[in-house]
Amino acid sequence: MKQSGFKAFNTIANTIIINYRFIFNYFVNRSTNTAAESFKAKIKAFRAQFKRG
Protein backbone atom coordinates (compact mmCIF):
# COMPACT_ATOMS: atom_id res chain seq x y z
CA MET A 1 0.00 0.00 0.00
CA LYS A 2 2.75 2.45 0.84
CA GLN A 3 4.18 2.21 -2.66
CA SER A 4 0.81 2.86 -4.33
CA GLY A 5 0.99 6.60 -3.69
CA PHE A 6 -2.51 6.82 -2.20
CA LYS A 7 -2.18 8.97 0.90
CA ALA A 8 -5.42 7.63 2.41
CA PHE A 9 -4.03 4.09 2.38
CA ASN A 10 -0.82 5.30 3.99
CA THR A 11 -2.81 7.01 6.75
CA ILE A 12 -4.79 3.84 7.43
CA ALA A 13 -1.66 1.70 7.39
CA ASN A 14 0.13 4.02 9.82
CA THR A 15 -2.86 4.05 12.16
CA ILE A 16 -2.92 0.26 12.23
CA ILE A 17 0.84 0.06 12.77
CA ILE A 18 0.71 2.53 15.67
CA ASN A 19 -2.34 0.94 17.33
CA TYR A 20 -1.95 -2.74 16.49
CA ARG A 21 -1.57 -3.77 20.16
CA PHE A 22 -4.88 -2.16 21.11
CA ILE A 23 -6.59 -3.63 18.05
CA PHE A 24 -5.35 -7.14 18.80
CA ASN A 25 -6.19 -6.72 22.49
CA TYR A 26 -9.82 -6.16 21.58
CA PHE A 27 -10.01 -9.39 19.59
CA VAL A 28 -8.13 -11.45 22.19
CA ASN A 29 -9.69 -10.10 25.40
CA ARG A 30 -12.72 -8.19 24.07
CA SER A 31 -11.55 -5.21 26.11
CA THR A 32 -11.76 -1.57 25.10
CA ASN A 33 -11.15 1.79 26.72
CA THR A 34 -14.85 2.68 26.61
CA ALA A 35 -15.08 3.18 30.38
CA ALA A 36 -12.15 5.60 30.39
CA GLU A 37 -13.55 7.55 27.45
CA SER A 38 -16.97 7.77 29.10
CA PHE A 39 -15.43 9.06 32.34
CA LYS A 40 -13.41 11.61 30.36
CA ALA A 41 -16.57 12.84 28.62
CA LYS A 42 -18.35 13.23 31.95
CA ILE A 43 -15.49 15.33 33.32
CA LYS A 44 -15.52 17.47 30.19
CA ALA A 45 -19.30 18.03 30.48
CA PHE A 46 -18.94 18.87 34.18
CA ARG A 47 -16.26 21.46 33.47
CA ALA A 48 -18.29 22.97 30.61
CA GLN A 49 -21.28 23.35 32.90
CA PHE A 50 -19.35 25.69 35.20
CA LYS A 51 -17.64 27.61 32.40
CA ARG A 52 -20.95 28.93 31.10
CA GLY A 53 -21.92 30.86 34.20
PDB file of N, CA and C in Angstrom:
ATOM      1  N   MET A   1       0.812  -1.190   0.000  1.00  0.00           N
ATOM      2  CA  MET A   1       0.000   0.000   0.000  1.00  0.00           C
ATOM      3  C   MET A   1       0.858   1.258   0.000  1.00  0.00           C
ATOM      4  N   LYS A   2       1.942   1.237   0.741  1.00  0.00           N
ATOM      5  CA  LYS A   2       2.755   2.446   0.843  1.00  0.00           C
ATOM      6  C   LYS A   2       3.337   2.859  -0.497  1.00  0.00           C
ATOM      7  N   GLN A   3       3.588   1.902  -1.372  1.00  0.00           N
ATOM      8  CA  GLN A   3       4.177   2.215  -2.664  1.00  0.00           C
ATOM      9  C   GLN A   3       3.134   2.671  -3.682  1.00  0.00           C
ATOM     10  N   SER A   4       1.859   2.514  -3.367  1.00  0.00           N
ATOM     11  CA  SER A   4       0.811   2.856  -4.325  1.00  0.00           C
ATOM     12  C   SER A   4       0.685   4.360  -4.542  1.00  0.00           C
ATOM     13  N   GLY A   5       1.088   5.154  -3.562  1.00  0.00           N
ATOM     14  CA  GLY A   5       0.989   6.598  -3.689  1.00  0.00           C
ATOM     15  C   GLY A   5      -0.319   7.177  -3.201  1.00  0.00           C
ATOM     16  N   PHE A   6      -1.246   6.330  -2.743  1.00  0.00           N
ATOM     17  CA  PHE A   6      -2.509   6.817  -2.198  1.00  0.00           C
ATOM     18  C   PHE A   6      -2.304   7.204  -0.741  1.00  0.00           C
ATOM     19  N   LYS A   7      -2.425   8.490  -0.460  1.00  0.00           N
ATOM     20  CA  LYS A   7      -2.176   8.967   0.902  1.00  0.00           C
ATOM     21  C   LYS A   7      -3.170   8.398   1.908  1.00  0.00           C
ATOM     22  N   ALA A   8      -4.418   8.175   1.494  1.00  0.00           N
ATOM     23  CA  ALA A   8      -5.419   7.634   2.412  1.00  0.00           C
ATOM     24  C   ALA A   8      -5.011   6.239   2.886  1.00  0.00           C
ATOM     25  N   PHE A   9      -4.486   5.431   1.997  1.00  0.00           N
ATOM     26  CA  PHE A   9      -4.026   4.095   2.380  1.00  0.00           C
ATOM     27  C   PHE A   9      -2.852   4.187   3.340  1.00  0.00           C
ATOM     28  N   ASN A  10      -1.960   5.132   3.099  1.00  0.00           N
ATOM     29  CA  ASN A  10      -0.816   5.304   3.995  1.00  0.00           C
ATOM     30  C   ASN A  10      -1.281   5.714   5.385  1.00  0.00           C
ATOM     31  N   THR A  11      -2.282   6.578   5.460  1.00  0.00           N
ATOM     32  CA  THR A  11      -2.813   7.007   6.746  1.00  0.00           C
ATOM     33  C   THR A  11      -3.415   5.827   7.500  1.00  0.00           C
ATOM     34  N   ILE A  12      -4.189   5.020   6.806  1.00  0.00           N
ATOM     35  CA  ILE A  12      -4.794   3.843   7.432  1.00  0.00           C
ATOM     36  C   ILE A  12      -3.709   2.865   7.884  1.00  0.00           C
ATOM     37  N   ALA A  13      -2.740   2.619   7.048  1.00  0.00           N
ATOM     38  CA  ALA A  13      -1.657   1.698   7.387  1.00  0.00           C
ATOM     39  C   ALA A  13      -0.892   2.186   8.609  1.00  0.00           C
ATOM     40  N   ASN A  14      -0.589   3.473   8.664  1.00  0.00           N
ATOM     41  CA  ASN A  14       0.131   4.019   9.816  1.00  0.00           C
ATOM     42  C   ASN A  14      -0.690   3.927  11.088  1.00  0.00           C
ATOM     43  N   THR A  15      -1.981   4.164  10.986  1.00  0.00           N
ATOM     44  CA  THR A  15      -2.857   4.051  12.158  1.00  0.00           C
ATOM     45  C   THR A  15      -2.863   2.632  12.693  1.00  0.00           C
ATOM     46  N   ILE A  16      -2.939   1.671  11.809  1.00  0.00           N
ATOM     47  CA  ILE A  16      -2.920   0.263  12.228  1.00  0.00           C
ATOM     48  C   ILE A  16      -1.574  -0.086  12.846  1.00  0.00           C
ATOM     49  N   ILE A  17      -0.498   0.355  12.244  1.00  0.00           N
ATOM     50  CA  ILE A  17       0.842   0.058  12.770  1.00  0.00           C
ATOM     51  C   ILE A  17       1.012   0.642  14.172  1.00  0.00           C
ATOM     52  N   ILE A  18       0.562   1.871  14.368  1.00  0.00           N
ATOM     53  CA  ILE A  18       0.713   2.529  15.665  1.00  0.00           C
ATOM     54  C   ILE A  18      -0.162   1.879  16.734  1.00  0.00           C
ATOM     55  N   ASN A  19      -1.355   1.438  16.358  1.00  0.00           N
ATOM     56  CA  ASN A  19      -2.338   0.944  17.331  1.00  0.00           C
ATOM     57  C   ASN A  19      -2.567  -0.553  17.298  1.00  0.00           C
ATOM     58  N   TYR A  20      -1.685  -1.318  16.665  1.00  0.00           N
ATOM     59  CA  TYR A  20      -1.954  -2.742  16.486  1.00  0.00           C
ATOM     60  C   TYR A  20      -2.130  -3.476  17.811  1.00  0.00           C
ATOM     61  N   ARG A  21      -1.425  -3.081  18.858  1.00  0.00           N
ATOM     62  CA  ARG A  21      -1.570  -3.774  20.156  1.00  0.00           C
ATOM     63  C   ARG A  21      -2.982  -3.608  20.704  1.00  0.00           C
ATOM     64  N   PHE A  22      -3.530  -2.396  20.612  1.00  0.00           N
ATOM     65  CA  PHE A  22      -4.880  -2.155  21.107  1.00  0.00           C
ATOM     66  C   PHE A  22      -5.916  -2.882  20.250  1.00  0.00           C
ATOM     67  N   ILE A  23      -5.670  -2.926  18.959  1.00  0.00           N
ATOM     68  CA  ILE A  23      -6.586  -3.626  18.049  1.00  0.00           C
ATOM     69  C   ILE A  23      -6.596  -5.112  18.364  1.00  0.00           C
ATOM     70  N   PHE A  24      -5.427  -5.719  18.487  1.00  0.00           N
ATOM     71  CA  PHE A  24      -5.352  -7.144  18.801  1.00  0.00           C
ATOM     72  C   PHE A  24      -5.914  -7.435  20.186  1.00  0.00           C
ATOM     73  N   ASN A  25      -5.679  -6.527  21.138  1.00  0.00           N
ATOM     74  CA  ASN A  25      -6.188  -6.721  22.494  1.00  0.00           C
ATOM     75  C   ASN A  25      -7.702  -6.834  22.494  1.00  0.00           C
ATOM     76  N   TYR A  26      -8.358  -6.067  21.657  1.00  0.00           N
ATOM     77  CA  TYR A  26      -9.820  -6.162  21.581  1.00  0.00           C
ATOM     78  C   TYR A  26     -10.240  -7.564  21.136  1.00  0.00           C
ATOM     79  N   PHE A  27      -9.605  -8.086  20.120  1.00  0.00           N
ATOM     80  CA  PHE A  27     -10.007  -9.386  19.591  1.00  0.00           C
ATOM     81  C   PHE A  27      -9.625 -10.534  20.521  1.00  0.00           C
ATOM     82  N   VAL A  28      -8.551 -10.387  21.274  1.00  0.00           N
ATOM     83  CA  VAL A  28      -8.125 -11.446  22.192  1.00  0.00           C
ATOM     84  C   VAL A  28      -8.940 -11.400  23.483  1.00  0.00           C
ATOM     85  N   ASN A  29      -9.058 -10.224  24.081  1.00  0.00           N
ATOM     86  CA  ASN A  29      -9.693 -10.098  25.401  1.00  0.00           C
ATOM     87  C   ASN A  29     -11.055  -9.431  25.377  1.00  0.00           C
ATOM     88  N   ARG A  30     -11.475  -8.941  24.206  1.00  0.00           N
ATOM     89  CA  ARG A  30     -12.720  -8.193  24.071  1.00  0.00           C
ATOM     90  C   ARG A  30     -12.751  -7.003  25.036  1.00  0.00           C
ATOM     91  N   SER A  31     -11.593  -6.368  25.236  1.00  0.00           N
ATOM     92  CA  SER A  31     -11.548  -5.210  26.112  1.00  0.00           C
ATOM     93  C   SER A  31     -11.292  -3.944  25.308  1.00  0.00           C
ATOM     94  N   THR A  32     -11.924  -2.866  25.741  1.00  0.00           N
ATOM     95  CA  THR A  32     -11.762  -1.575  25.097  1.00  0.00           C
ATOM     96  C   THR A  32     -11.533  -0.523  26.177  1.00  0.00           C
ATOM     97  N   ASN A  33     -11.320   0.708  25.764  1.00  0.00           N
ATOM     98  CA  ASN A  33     -11.152   1.791  26.723  1.00  0.00           C
ATOM     99  C   ASN A  33     -12.435   2.620  26.832  1.00  0.00           C
ATOM    100  N   THR A  34     -13.568   1.991  26.594  1.00  0.00           N
ATOM    101  CA  THR A  34     -14.849   2.683  26.612  1.00  0.00           C
ATOM    102  C   THR A  34     -15.125   3.328  27.962  1.00  0.00           C
ATOM    103  N   ALA A  35     -14.822   2.635  29.049  1.00  0.00           N
ATOM    104  CA  ALA A  35     -15.082   3.178  30.382  1.00  0.00           C
ATOM    105  C   ALA A  35     -14.259   4.442  30.615  1.00  0.00           C
ATOM    106  N   ALA A  36     -13.008   4.417  30.221  1.00  0.00           N
ATOM    107  CA  ALA A  36     -12.151   5.597  30.394  1.00  0.00           C
ATOM    108  C   ALA A  36     -12.641   6.760  29.545  1.00  0.00           C
ATOM    109  N   GLU A  37     -13.057   6.492  28.326  1.00  0.00           N
ATOM    110  CA  GLU A  37     -13.554   7.549  27.450  1.00  0.00           C
ATOM    111  C   GLU A  37     -14.857   8.136  27.985  1.00  0.00           C
ATOM    112  N   SER A  38     -15.715   7.300  28.527  1.00  0.00           N
ATOM    113  CA  SER A  38     -16.967   7.771  29.103  1.00  0.00           C
ATOM    114  C   SER A  38     -16.704   8.670  30.307  1.00  0.00           C
ATOM    115  N   PHE A  39     -15.789   8.259  31.165  1.00  0.00           N
ATOM    116  CA  PHE A  39     -15.428   9.065  32.335  1.00  0.00           C
ATOM    117  C   PHE A  39     -14.845  10.410  31.903  1.00  0.00           C
ATOM    118  N   LYS A  40     -14.001  10.385  30.889  1.00  0.00           N
ATOM    119  CA  LYS A  40     -13.406  11.611  30.360  1.00  0.00           C
ATOM    120  C   LYS A  40     -14.478  12.560  29.825  1.00  0.00           C
ATOM    121  N   ALA A  41     -15.478  12.026  29.150  1.00  0.00           N
ATOM    122  CA  ALA A  41     -16.571  12.837  28.615  1.00  0.00           C
ATOM    123  C   ALA A  41     -17.398  13.454  29.738  1.00  0.00           C
ATOM    124  N   LYS A  42     -17.610  12.699  30.816  1.00  0.00           N
ATOM    125  CA  LYS A  42     -18.354  13.229  31.955  1.00  0.00           C
ATOM    126  C   LYS A  42     -17.601  14.379  32.614  1.00  0.00           C
ATOM    127  N   ILE A  43     -16.301  14.248  32.746  1.00  0.00           N
ATOM    128  CA  ILE A  43     -15.488  15.327  33.320  1.00  0.00           C
ATOM    129  C   ILE A  43     -15.553  16.561  32.427  1.00  0.00           C
ATOM    130  N   LYS A  44     -15.463  16.351  31.135  1.00  0.00           N
ATOM    131  CA  LYS A  44     -15.524  17.471  30.191  1.00  0.00           C
ATOM    132  C   LYS A  44     -16.876  18.186  30.285  1.00  0.00           C
ATOM    133  N   ALA A  45     -17.966  17.437  30.367  1.00  0.00           N
ATOM    134  CA  ALA A  45     -19.300  18.028  30.479  1.00  0.00           C
ATOM    135  C   ALA A  45     -19.444  18.779  31.798  1.00  0.00           C
ATOM    136  N   PHE A  46     -18.895  18.229  32.867  1.00  0.00           N
ATOM    137  CA  PHE A  46     -18.944  18.871  34.180  1.00  0.00           C
ATOM    138  C   PHE A  46     -18.205  20.206  34.153  1.00  0.00           C
ATOM    139  N   ARG A  47     -17.043  20.229  33.559  1.00  0.00           N
ATOM    140  CA  ARG A  47     -16.258  21.463  33.467  1.00  0.00           C
ATOM    141  C   ARG A  47     -16.982  22.504  32.608  1.00  0.00           C
ATOM    142  N   ALA A  48     -17.582  22.051  31.512  1.00  0.00           N
ATOM    143  CA  ALA A  48     -18.291  22.966  30.613  1.00  0.00           C
ATOM    144  C   ALA A  48     -19.491  23.597  31.302  1.00  0.00           C
ATOM    145  N   GLN A  49     -20.117  22.849  32.180  1.00  0.00           N
ATOM    146  CA  GLN A  49     -21.283  23.346  32.905  1.00  0.00           C
ATOM    147  C   GLN A  49     -20.915  24.570  33.733  1.00  0.00           C
ATOM    148  N   PHE A  50     -19.745  24.582  34.341  1.00  0.00           N
ATOM    149  CA  PHE A  50     -19.346  25.690  35.202  1.00  0.00           C
ATOM    150  C   PHE A  50     -18.636  26.804  34.439  1.00  0.00           C
ATOM    151  N   LYS A  51     -18.244  26.564  33.218  1.00  0.00           N
ATOM    152  CA  LYS A  51     -17.642  27.611  32.403  1.00  0.00           C
ATOM    153  C   LYS A  51     -18.679  28.591  31.891  1.00  0.00           C
ATOM    154  N   ARG A  52     -19.890  28.118  31.680  1.00  0.00           N
ATOM    155  CA  ARG A  52     -20.950  28.933  31.099  1.00  0.00           C
ATOM    156  C   ARG A  52     -21.328  30.111  31.998  1.00  0.00           C
ATOM    157  N   GLY A  53     -21.397  29.859  33.286  1.00  0.00           N
ATOM    158  CA  GLY A  53     -21.924  30.865  34.203  1.00  0.00           C
ATOM    159  C   GLY A  53     -20.924  31.678  34.830  1.00  0.00           C
TER     160      GLY A  53
END
